């Protein structure tokens, strides 16, 4: 059973790192998306979606770590 908890902890850390990676990647990707004429009018919505995705990844990873910490603690 401890092996299963370790997998969940690793998965939680991976989610958090992916979320942080999204935040570092957004400033590099948005100018490339703005060059595409079809997406240039919706750039604020696209930017919001990217940041929301990063928040969801970090939140999901933090929740997974917190839940597994509670299980280990008990």
PDB file of N, CA and C in Angstrom:
ATOM      1  N   UNK A   1       0.811  -1.196   0.000  1.00  0.00           N
ATOM      2  CA  UNK A   1       0.000   0.000   0.000  1.00  0.00           C
ATOM      3  C   UNK A   1       0.861   1.270   0.000  1.00  0.00           C
ATOM      4  N   UNK A   2       2.059   1.192   0.592  1.00  0.00           N
ATOM      5  CA  UNK A   2       2.934   2.369   0.630  1.00  0.00           C
ATOM      6  C   UNK A   2       3.402   2.747  -0.772  1.00  0.00           C
ATOM      7  N   UNK A   3       3.555   1.745  -1.639  1.00  0.00           N
ATOM      8  CA  UNK A   3       3.985   2.024  -3.007  1.00  0.00           C
ATOM      9  C   UNK A   3       2.921   2.851  -3.733  1.00  0.00           C
ATOM     10  N   UNK A   4       1.653   2.546  -3.499  1.00  0.00           N
ATOM     11  CA  UNK A   4       0.555   3.276  -4.115  1.00  0.00           C
ATOM     12  C   UNK A   4       0.554   4.736  -3.657  1.00  0.00           C
ATOM     13  N   UNK A   5       0.843   4.982  -2.389  1.00  0.00           N
ATOM     14  CA  UNK A   5       0.888   6.357  -1.880  1.00  0.00           C
ATOM     15  C   UNK A   5       2.052   7.117  -2.499  1.00  0.00           C
ATOM     16  N   UNK A   6       3.176   6.424  -2.693  1.00  0.00           N
ATOM     17  CA  UNK A   6       4.330   7.082  -3.316  1.00  0.00           C
ATOM     18  C   UNK A   6       4.017   7.511  -4.737  1.00  0.00           C
ATOM     19  N   UNK A   7       3.263   6.693  -5.457  1.00  0.00           N
ATOM     20  CA  UNK A   7       2.875   7.045  -6.826  1.00  0.00           C
ATOM     21  C   UNK A   7       2.007   8.292  -6.825  1.00  0.00           C
ATOM     22  N   UNK A   8       1.084   8.375  -5.868  1.00  0.00           N
ATOM     23  CA  UNK A   8       0.211   9.548  -5.784  1.00  0.00           C
ATOM     24  C   UNK A   8       0.995  10.805  -5.412  1.00  0.00           C
ATOM     25  N   UNK A   9       1.981  10.650  -4.569  1.00  0.00           N
ATOM     26  CA  UNK A   9       2.811  11.801  -4.195  1.00  0.00           C
ATOM     27  C   UNK A   9       3.625  12.278  -5.402  1.00  0.00           C
ATOM     28  N   UNK A  10       4.199  11.347  -6.134  1.00  0.00           N
ATOM     29  CA  UNK A  10       4.963  11.704  -7.334  1.00  0.00           C
ATOM     30  C   UNK A  10       4.050  12.363  -8.365  1.00  0.00           C
ATOM     31  N   UNK A  11       2.840  11.834  -8.513  1.00  0.00           N
ATOM     32  CA  UNK A  11       1.883  12.408  -9.458  1.00  0.00           C
ATOM     33  C   UNK A  11       1.490  13.822  -9.041  1.00  0.00           C
ATOM     34  N   UNK A  12       1.297  14.047  -7.758  1.00  0.00           N
ATOM     35  CA  UNK A  12       0.975  15.388  -7.261  1.00  0.00           C
ATOM     36  C   UNK A  12       2.093  16.377  -7.535  1.00  0.00           C
ATOM     37  N   UNK A  13       3.321  15.958  -7.303  1.00  0.00           N
ATOM     38  CA  UNK A  13       4.469  16.827  -7.581  1.00  0.00           C
ATOM     39  C   UNK A  13       4.569  17.104  -9.085  1.00  0.00           C
ATOM     40  N   UNK A  14       4.300  16.091  -9.898  1.00  0.00           N
ATOM     41  CA  UNK A  14       4.349  16.278 -11.356  1.00  0.00           C
ATOM     42  C   UNK A  14       3.288  17.279 -11.812  1.00  0.00           C
ATOM     43  N   UNK A  15       2.101  17.224 -11.225  1.00  0.00           N
ATOM     44  CA  UNK A  15       1.050  18.183 -11.574  1.00  0.00           C
ATOM     45  C   UNK A  15       1.465  19.605 -11.207  1.00  0.00           C
ATOM     46  N   UNK A  16       2.036  19.765 -10.032  1.00  0.00           N
ATOM     47  CA  UNK A  16       2.467  21.097  -9.607  1.00  0.00           C
ATOM     48  C   UNK A  16       3.565  21.628 -10.531  1.00  0.00           C
ATOM     49  N   UNK A  17       4.526  20.787 -10.870  1.00  0.00           N
ATOM     50  CA  UNK A  17       5.600  21.217 -11.767  1.00  0.00           C
ATOM     51  C   UNK A  17       5.077  21.552 -13.164  1.00  0.00           C
ATOM     52  N   UNK A  18       4.085  20.794 -13.632  1.00  0.00           N
ATOM     53  CA  UNK A  18       3.490  21.099 -14.937  1.00  0.00           C
ATOM     54  C   UNK A  18       2.773  22.441 -14.897  1.00  0.00           C
ATOM     55  N   UNK A  19       2.078  22.716 -13.809  1.00  0.00           N
ATOM     56  CA  UNK A  19       1.404  24.007 -13.659  1.00  0.00           C
ATOM     57  C   UNK A  19       2.384  25.166 -13.642  1.00  0.00           C
ATOM     58  N   UNK A  20       3.477  24.995 -12.925  1.00  0.00           N
ATOM     59  CA  UNK A  20       4.509  26.040 -12.896  1.00  0.00           C
ATOM     60  C   UNK A  20       5.126  26.209 -14.277  1.00  0.00           C
ATOM     61  N   UNK A  21       5.311  25.105 -14.978  1.00  0.00           N
ATOM     62  CA  UNK A  21       5.840  25.169 -16.342  1.00  0.00           C
ATOM     63  C   UNK A  21       4.928  25.931 -17.281  1.00  0.00           C
ATOM     64  N   UNK A  22       3.629  25.787 -17.094  1.00  0.00           N
ATOM     65  CA  UNK A  22       2.670  26.535 -17.918  1.00  0.00           C
ATOM     66  C   UNK A  22       2.854  28.025 -17.703  1.00  0.00           C
ATOM     67  N   UNK A  23       3.031  28.446 -16.446  1.00  0.00           N
ATOM     68  CA  UNK A  23       3.206  29.871 -16.166  1.00  0.00           C
ATOM     69  C   UNK A  23       4.489  30.431 -16.790  1.00  0.00           C
ATOM     70  N   UNK A  24       5.540  29.636 -16.832  1.00  0.00           N
ATOM     71  CA  UNK A  24       6.779  30.108 -17.453  1.00  0.00           C
ATOM     72  C   UNK A  24       6.697  30.101 -18.976  1.00  0.00           C
ATOM     73  N   UNK A  25       5.861  29.252 -19.525  1.00  0.00           N
ATOM     74  CA  UNK A  25       5.776  29.106 -20.984  1.00  0.00           C
ATOM     75  C   UNK A  25       4.828  30.118 -21.627  1.00  0.00           C
ATOM     76  N   UNK A  26       3.834  30.603 -20.896  1.00  0.00           N
ATOM     77  CA  UNK A  26       2.823  31.508 -21.459  1.00  0.00           C
ATOM     78  C   UNK A  26       3.440  32.741 -22.121  1.00  0.00           C
ATOM     79  N   UNK A  27       4.360  33.466 -21.475  1.00  0.00           N
ATOM     80  CA  UNK A  27       4.915  34.660 -22.136  1.00  0.00           C
ATOM     81  C   UNK A  27       5.646  34.359 -23.442  1.00  0.00           C
ATOM     82  N   UNK A  28       6.120  33.145 -23.614  1.00  0.00           N
ATOM     83  CA  UNK A  28       6.810  32.789 -24.844  1.00  0.00           C
ATOM     84  C   UNK A  28       5.832  32.383 -25.945  1.00  0.00           C
ATOM     85  N   UNK A  29       4.693  31.842 -25.566  1.00  0.00           N
ATOM     86  CA  UNK A  29       3.748  31.310 -26.544  1.00  0.00           C
ATOM     87  C   UNK A  29       2.758  32.361 -27.032  1.00  0.00           C
ATOM     88  N   UNK A  30       2.349  33.278 -26.169  1.00  0.00           N
ATOM     89  CA  UNK A  30       1.325  34.266 -26.528  1.00  0.00           C
ATOM     90  C   UNK A  30       1.732  35.101 -27.744  1.00  0.00           C
ATOM     91  N   UNK A  31       2.975  35.593 -27.859  1.00  0.00           N
ATOM     92  CA  UNK A  31       3.321  36.339 -29.081  1.00  0.00           C
ATOM     93  C   UNK A  31       3.206  35.506 -30.360  1.00  0.00           C
ATOM     94  N   UNK A  32       3.511  34.224 -30.261  1.00  0.00           N
ATOM     95  CA  UNK A  32       3.370  33.353 -31.432  1.00  0.00           C
ATOM     96  C   UNK A  32       1.903  33.172 -31.804  1.00  0.00           C
ATOM     97  N   UNK A  33       1.043  33.079 -30.810  1.00  0.00           N
ATOM     98  CA  UNK A  33      -0.397  32.929 -31.081  1.00  0.00           C
ATOM     99  C   UNK A  33      -0.957  34.221 -31.663  1.00  0.00           C
ATOM    100  N   UNK A  34      -0.461  35.373 -31.202  1.00  0.00           N
ATOM    101  CA  UNK A  34      -0.939  36.655 -31.721  1.00  0.00           C
ATOM    102  C   UNK A  34      -0.617  36.830 -33.204  1.00  0.00           C
ATOM    103  N   UNK A  35       0.407  36.167 -33.680  1.00  0.00           N
ATOM    104  CA  UNK A  35       0.770  36.268 -35.098  1.00  0.00           C
ATOM    105  C   UNK A  35      -0.265  35.593 -35.993  1.00  0.00           C
ATOM    106  N   UNK A  36      -1.010  34.655 -35.444  1.00  0.00           N
ATOM    107  CA  UNK A  36      -2.053  33.972 -36.214  1.00  0.00           C
ATOM    108  C   UNK A  36      -3.276  34.885 -36.239  1.00  0.00           C
ATOM    109  N   UNK A  37      -3.650  35.306 -37.413  1.00  0.00           N
ATOM    110  CA  UNK A  37      -4.705  36.303 -37.566  1.00  0.00           C
ATOM    111  C   UNK A  37      -6.037  35.851 -36.979  1.00  0.00           C
ATOM    112  N   UNK A  38      -6.352  34.594 -37.106  1.00  0.00           N
ATOM    113  CA  UNK A  38      -7.630  34.072 -36.614  1.00  0.00           C
ATOM    114  C   UNK A  38      -7.747  34.173 -35.087  1.00  0.00           C
ATOM    115  N   UNK A  39      -6.646  34.023 -34.382  1.00  0.00           N
ATOM    116  CA  UNK A  39      -6.668  34.029 -32.917  1.00  0.00           C
ATOM    117  C   UNK A  39      -6.360  35.389 -32.305  1.00  0.00           C
ATOM    118  N   UNK A  40      -5.937  36.348 -33.086  1.00  0.00           N
ATOM    119  CA  UNK A  40      -5.509  37.629 -32.528  1.00  0.00           C
ATOM    120  C   UNK A  40      -6.652  38.385 -31.846  1.00  0.00           C
ATOM    121  N   UNK A  41      -7.880  38.195 -32.299  1.00  0.00           N
ATOM    122  CA  UNK A  41      -9.001  38.903 -31.673  1.00  0.00           C
ATOM    123  C   UNK A  41      -9.410  38.279 -30.343  1.00  0.00           C
ATOM    124  N   UNK A  42      -9.069  37.034 -30.104  1.00  0.00           N
ATOM    125  CA  UNK A  42      -9.463  36.345 -28.880  1.00  0.00           C
ATOM    126  C   UNK A  42      -8.277  36.101 -27.958  1.00  0.00           C
ATOM    127  N   UNK A  43      -7.255  36.936 -28.048  1.00  0.00           N
ATOM    128  CA  UNK A  43      -6.026  36.678 -27.303  1.00  0.00           C
ATOM    129  C   UNK A  43      -6.238  36.767 -25.798  1.00  0.00           C
ATOM    130  N   UNK A  44      -7.136  37.649 -25.344  1.00  0.00           N
ATOM    131  CA  UNK A  44      -7.378  37.758 -23.904  1.00  0.00           C
ATOM    132  C   UNK A  44      -8.029  36.492 -23.360  1.00  0.00           C
ATOM    133  N   UNK A  45      -8.960  35.920 -24.115  1.00  0.00           N
ATOM    134  CA  UNK A  45      -9.593  34.666 -23.704  1.00  0.00           C
ATOM    135  C   UNK A  45      -8.580  33.520 -23.706  1.00  0.00           C
ATOM    136  N   UNK A  46      -7.733  33.476 -24.700  1.00  0.00           N
ATOM    137  CA  UNK A  46      -6.707  32.422 -24.781  1.00  0.00           C
ATOM    138  C   UNK A  46      -5.734  32.545 -23.618  1.00  0.00           C
ATOM    139  N   UNK A  47      -5.333  33.760 -23.314  1.00  0.00           N
ATOM    140  CA  UNK A  47      -4.428  33.987 -22.188  1.00  0.00           C
ATOM    141  C   UNK A  47      -5.086  33.558 -20.879  1.00  0.00           C
ATOM    142  N   UNK A  48      -6.361  33.925 -20.702  1.00  0.00           N
ATOM    143  CA  UNK A  48      -7.095  33.508 -19.506  1.00  0.00           C
ATOM    144  C   UNK A  48      -7.146  31.992 -19.404  1.00  0.00           C
ATOM    145  N   UNK A  49      -7.394  31.309 -20.497  1.00  0.00           N
ATOM    146  CA  UNK A  49      -7.473  29.846 -20.490  1.00  0.00           C
ATOM    147  C   UNK A  49      -6.143  29.210 -20.101  1.00  0.00           C
ATOM    148  N   UNK A  50      -5.045  29.750 -20.616  1.00  0.00           N
ATOM    149  CA  UNK A  50      -3.727  29.219 -20.259  1.00  0.00           C
ATOM    150  C   UNK A  50      -3.447  29.396 -18.761  1.00  0.00           C
ATOM    151  N   UNK A  51      -3.714  30.601 -18.245  1.00  0.00           N
ATOM    152  CA  UNK A  51      -3.467  30.830 -16.825  1.00  0.00           C
ATOM    153  C   UNK A  51      -4.400  29.977 -15.964  1.00  0.00           C
ATOM    154  N   UNK A  52      -5.642  29.816 -16.380  1.00  0.00           N
ATOM    155  CA  UNK A  52      -6.584  28.989 -15.643  1.00  0.00           C
ATOM    156  C   UNK A  52      -6.123  27.536 -15.629  1.00  0.00           C
ATOM    157  N   UNK A  53      -5.593  27.064 -16.741  1.00  0.00           N
ATOM    158  CA  UNK A  53      -5.046  25.713 -16.809  1.00  0.00           C
ATOM    159  C   UNK A  53      -3.890  25.543 -15.819  1.00  0.00           C
ATOM    160  N   UNK A  54      -3.016  26.527 -15.747  1.00  0.00           N
ATOM    161  CA  UNK A  54      -1.909  26.471 -14.796  1.00  0.00           C
ATOM    162  C   UNK A  54      -2.390  26.432 -13.353  1.00  0.00           C
ATOM    163  N   UNK A  55      -3.393  27.248 -13.045  1.00  0.00           N
ATOM    164  CA  UNK A  55      -3.954  27.254 -11.689  1.00  0.00           C
ATOM    165  C   UNK A  55      -4.598  25.915 -11.364  1.00  0.00           C
ATOM    166  N   UNK A  56      -5.326  25.346 -12.311  1.00  0.00           N
ATOM    167  CA  UNK A  56      -5.953  24.041 -12.075  1.00  0.00           C
ATOM    168  C   UNK A  56      -4.916  22.942 -11.851  1.00  0.00           C
ATOM    169  N   UNK A  57      -3.838  22.960 -12.618  1.00  0.00           N
ATOM    170  CA  UNK A  57      -2.786  21.963 -12.442  1.00  0.00           C
ATOM    171  C   UNK A  57      -2.130  22.081 -11.065  1.00  0.00           C
ATOM    172  N   UNK A  58      -1.801  23.296 -10.679  1.00  0.00           N
ATOM    173  CA  UNK A  58      -1.174  23.499  -9.375  1.00  0.00           C
ATOM    174  C   UNK A  58      -2.144  23.148  -8.252  1.00  0.00           C
ATOM    175  N   UNK A  59      -3.394  23.562  -8.385  1.00  0.00           N
ATOM    176  CA  UNK A  59      -4.396  23.249  -7.362  1.00  0.00           C
ATOM    177  C   UNK A  59      -4.649  21.761  -7.239  1.00  0.00           C
ATOM    178  N   UNK A  60      -4.742  21.069  -8.366  1.00  0.00           N
ATOM    179  CA  UNK A  60      -4.953  19.628  -8.343  1.00  0.00           C
ATOM    180  C   UNK A  60      -3.787  18.882  -7.729  1.00  0.00           C
ATOM    181  N   UNK A  61      -2.582  19.307  -8.058  1.00  0.00           N
ATOM    182  CA  UNK A  61      -1.399  18.681  -7.476  1.00  0.00           C
ATOM    183  C   UNK A  61      -1.304  18.934  -5.981  1.00  0.00           C
ATOM    184  N   UNK A  62      -1.615  20.162  -5.565  1.00  0.00           N
ATOM    185  CA  UNK A  62      -1.581  20.489  -4.139  1.00  0.00           C
ATOM    186  C   UNK A  62      -2.629  19.695  -3.378  1.00  0.00           C
ATOM    187  N   UNK A  63      -3.820  19.531  -3.962  1.00  0.00           N
ATOM    188  CA  UNK A  63      -4.874  18.748  -3.314  1.00  0.00           C
ATOM    189  C   UNK A  63      -4.458  17.289  -3.178  1.00  0.00           C
ATOM    190  N   UNK A  64      -3.858  16.755  -4.221  1.00  0.00           N
ATOM    191  CA  UNK A  64      -3.398  15.360  -4.182  1.00  0.00           C
ATOM    192  C   UNK A  64      -2.323  15.171  -3.114  1.00  0.00           C
ATOM    193  N   UNK A  65      -1.383  16.097  -3.019  1.00  0.00           N
ATOM    194  CA  UNK A  65      -0.360  16.005  -1.984  1.00  0.00           C
ATOM    195  C   UNK A  65      -0.965  16.129  -0.587  1.00  0.00           C
ATOM    196  N   UNK A  66      -1.884  17.068  -0.427  1.00  0.00           N
ATOM    197  CA  UNK A  66      -2.524  17.270   0.878  1.00  0.00           C
ATOM    198  C   UNK A  66      -3.322  16.040   1.300  1.00  0.00           C
ATOM    199  N   UNK A  67      -4.102  15.483   0.384  1.00  0.00           N
ATOM    200  CA  UNK A  67      -4.900  14.295   0.703  1.00  0.00           C
ATOM    201  C   UNK A  67      -4.013  13.114   1.080  1.00  0.00           C
ATOM    202  N   UNK A  68      -2.939  12.909   0.347  1.00  0.00           N
ATOM    203  CA  UNK A  68      -2.046  11.794   0.659  1.00  0.00           C
ATOM    204  C   UNK A  68      -1.255  12.043   1.927  1.00  0.00           C
ATOM    205  N   UNK A  69      -0.954  13.286   2.228  1.00  0.00           N
ATOM    206  CA  UNK A  69      -0.294  13.600   3.496  1.00  0.00           C
ATOM    207  C   UNK A  69      -1.222  13.259   4.653  1.00  0.00           C
ATOM    208  N   UNK A  70      -2.513  13.569   4.495  1.00  0.00           N
ATOM    209  CA  UNK A  70      -3.484  13.236   5.545  1.00  0.00           C
ATOM    210  C   UNK A  70      -3.587  11.726   5.750  1.00  0.00           C
ATOM    211  N   UNK A  71      -3.540  10.953   4.659  1.00  0.00           N
ATOM    212  CA  UNK A  71      -3.604   9.487   4.758  1.00  0.00           C
ATOM    213  C   UNK A  71      -2.368   8.926   5.438  1.00  0.00           C
ATOM    214  N   UNK A  72      -1.196   9.485   5.111  1.00  0.00           N
ATOM    215  CA  UNK A  72       0.043   9.017   5.721  1.00  0.00           C
ATOM    216  C   UNK A  72       0.057   9.385   7.211  1.00  0.00           C
ATOM    217  N   UNK A  73      -0.454  10.565   7.520  1.00  0.00           N
ATOM    218  CA  UNK A  73      -0.469  11.063   8.897  1.00  0.00           C
ATOM    219  C   UNK A  73      -1.355  10.174   9.788  1.00  0.00           C
ATOM    220  N   UNK A  74      -2.445   9.664   9.218  1.00  0.00           N
ATOM    221  CA  UNK A  74      -3.381   8.831  10.009  1.00  0.00           C
ATOM    222  C   UNK A  74      -2.929   7.437  10.134  1.00  0.00           C
TER     223      UNK A  74
END
